[in-house]
Protein backbone atom coordinates (compact mmCIF):
# COMPACT_ATOMS: atom_id res chain seq x y z
CA UNK A 1 33.91 52.54 20.71
CA UNK A 2 33.99 49.45 22.87
CA UNK A 3 33.34 46.25 20.95
CA UNK A 4 31.85 42.83 21.64
CA UNK A 5 33.03 40.04 19.36
CA UNK A 6 33.95 42.47 16.61
CA UNK A 7 30.80 44.61 16.72
CA UNK A 8 29.75 47.69 18.65
CA UNK A 9 27.17 47.37 21.44
CA UNK A 10 24.77 49.47 19.35
CA UNK A 11 25.00 47.03 16.41
CA UNK A 12 24.67 44.01 18.72
CA UNK A 13 21.61 45.50 20.45
CA UNK A 14 20.04 46.35 17.10
CA UNK A 15 20.57 42.77 15.91
CA UNK A 16 19.01 41.26 19.05
CA UNK A 17 16.05 43.60 19.52
CA UNK A 18 15.08 44.02 15.86
CA UNK A 19 13.96 40.37 15.98
CA UNK A 20 10.92 41.56 17.97
CA UNK A 21 9.82 44.39 15.70
CA UNK A 22 10.81 47.52 13.84
CA UNK A 23 13.09 49.75 15.90
CA UNK A 24 12.72 53.52 15.97
CA UNK A 25 16.15 54.09 17.53
CA UNK A 26 19.00 52.46 19.47
CA UNK A 27 21.16 54.73 21.62
CA UNK A 28 24.07 53.52 23.78
CA UNK A 29 25.62 55.44 26.69
CA UNK A 30 28.58 54.63 28.97
CA UNK A 31 27.79 53.92 32.62
CA UNK A 32 28.49 56.73 35.09
CA UNK A 33 32.03 56.84 36.48
CA UNK A 34 30.80 55.70 39.92
CA UNK A 35 29.15 52.60 38.44
CA UNK A 36 30.78 49.45 37.12
CA UNK A 37 32.34 49.67 33.66
CA UNK A 38 29.86 49.02 30.90
CA UNK A 39 26.97 50.74 29.21
CA UNK A 40 23.24 51.20 29.18
CA UNK A 41 20.99 51.68 26.20
CA UNK A 42 17.67 53.22 25.29
CA UNK A 43 15.89 51.22 22.60
CA UNK A 44 12.69 52.59 21.11
CA UNK A 45 10.23 50.49 19.15
CA UNK A 46 7.48 51.82 16.91
CA UNK A 47 5.11 49.38 18.65
CA UNK A 48 4.56 49.13 22.42
CA UNK A 49 3.52 45.49 21.92
CA UNK A 50 6.90 44.69 20.32
CA UNK A 51 8.72 46.44 23.18
CA UNK A 52 6.78 44.36 25.72
CA UNK A 53 7.61 41.11 23.89
CA UNK A 54 11.31 42.06 23.76
CA UNK A 55 11.33 42.85 27.48
CA UNK A 56 9.76 39.51 28.39
CA UNK A 57 12.12 37.53 26.16
CA UNK A 58 15.40 39.31 26.94
CA UNK A 59 15.24 40.34 30.60
CA UNK A 60 17.92 38.59 32.71
CA UNK A 61 19.39 36.84 29.66
CA UNK A 62 22.92 36.74 28.30
CA UNK A 63 22.34 38.26 24.89
CA UNK A 64 25.85 38.86 23.58
CA UNK A 65 27.85 39.44 26.75
CA UNK A 66 28.89 37.43 29.83
CA UNK A 67 26.50 38.94 32.37
CA UNK A 68 22.69 38.99 32.06
CA UNK A 69 21.04 42.25 31.02
CA UNK A 70 18.21 44.05 32.77
CA UNK A 71 15.50 45.06 30.31
CA UNK A 72 12.87 47.47 31.60
CA UNK A 73 10.00 49.21 29.85
CA UNK A 74 10.15 52.98 29.94
CA UNK A 75 7.71 54.65 32.29
CA UNK A 76 8.43 58.28 31.48
CA UNK A 77 6.44 59.69 28.61
CA UNK A 78 6.64 63.16 27.20
CA UNK A 79 3.63 65.28 27.96
CA UNK A 80 2.17 65.24 24.47
CA UNK A 81 -1.57 65.54 24.74
CA UNK A 82 -3.46 64.45 21.64
CA UNK A 83 -0.60 65.53 19.40
CA UNK A 84 0.93 63.06 16.96
CA UNK A 85 4.66 63.34 16.46
CA UNK A 86 5.54 63.78 12.79
CA UNK A 87 7.66 61.14 11.06
CA UNK A 88 10.11 62.07 8.36
CA UNK A 89 9.74 60.51 4.89
CA UNK A 90 12.38 57.83 5.58
CA UNK A 91 10.52 56.69 8.71
CA UNK A 92 7.21 56.61 6.80
CA UNK A 93 8.77 54.47 4.08
CA UNK A 94 10.44 52.20 6.64
CA UNK A 95 7.11 51.63 8.43
CA UNK A 96 5.28 50.91 5.16
CA UNK A 97 7.97 48.47 4.03
CA UNK A 98 7.97 46.66 7.37
CA UNK A 99 4.24 46.36 7.96
CA UNK A 100 2.90 46.24 4.39
CA UNK A 101 5.80 44.64 2.54
CA UNK A 102 6.24 47.33 -0.08
CA UNK A 103 9.98 46.52 -0.36
CA UNK A 104 10.85 50.09 -1.26
CA UNK A 105 9.06 50.08 -4.60
CA UNK A 106 8.12 53.72 -4.13
CA UNK A 107 9.91 56.51 -2.36
CA UNK A 108 7.17 59.00 -3.05
CA UNK A 109 5.10 59.87 0.01
CA UNK A 110 1.72 61.42 -0.65
CA UNK A 111 0.39 63.58 2.13
CA UNK A 112 -3.31 64.37 2.32
CA UNK A 113 -4.64 67.34 4.19
CA UNK A 114 -8.11 67.10 5.66
CA UNK A 115 -10.11 70.08 6.76
CA UNK A 116 -12.39 69.77 9.72
CA UNK A 117 -15.94 70.80 8.98
């Protein structure tokens, strides 16, 4: 993998963008062969507000490389109508630790089932 100052682009992006909120995922892809050498990334936040703050703060800035980056908010959304995407137990624990400060004191996730009347 290509490195910047001893780290991978994925690690560098995670370090920069995690300052704005909890990240769901960071994926890095090489540019197409017809484009200039480099890469592009898809960074997903749990919170749209955090993604917006990151875009405003980082767009056209030199984050960890010589040339400024373009940071755009995604406009394509999957057609999921009124259906919540399930999180695995690690993601549930990560969200609880981040937003409620549980610091990993419990790994047990209790799931309640509600019946509609």
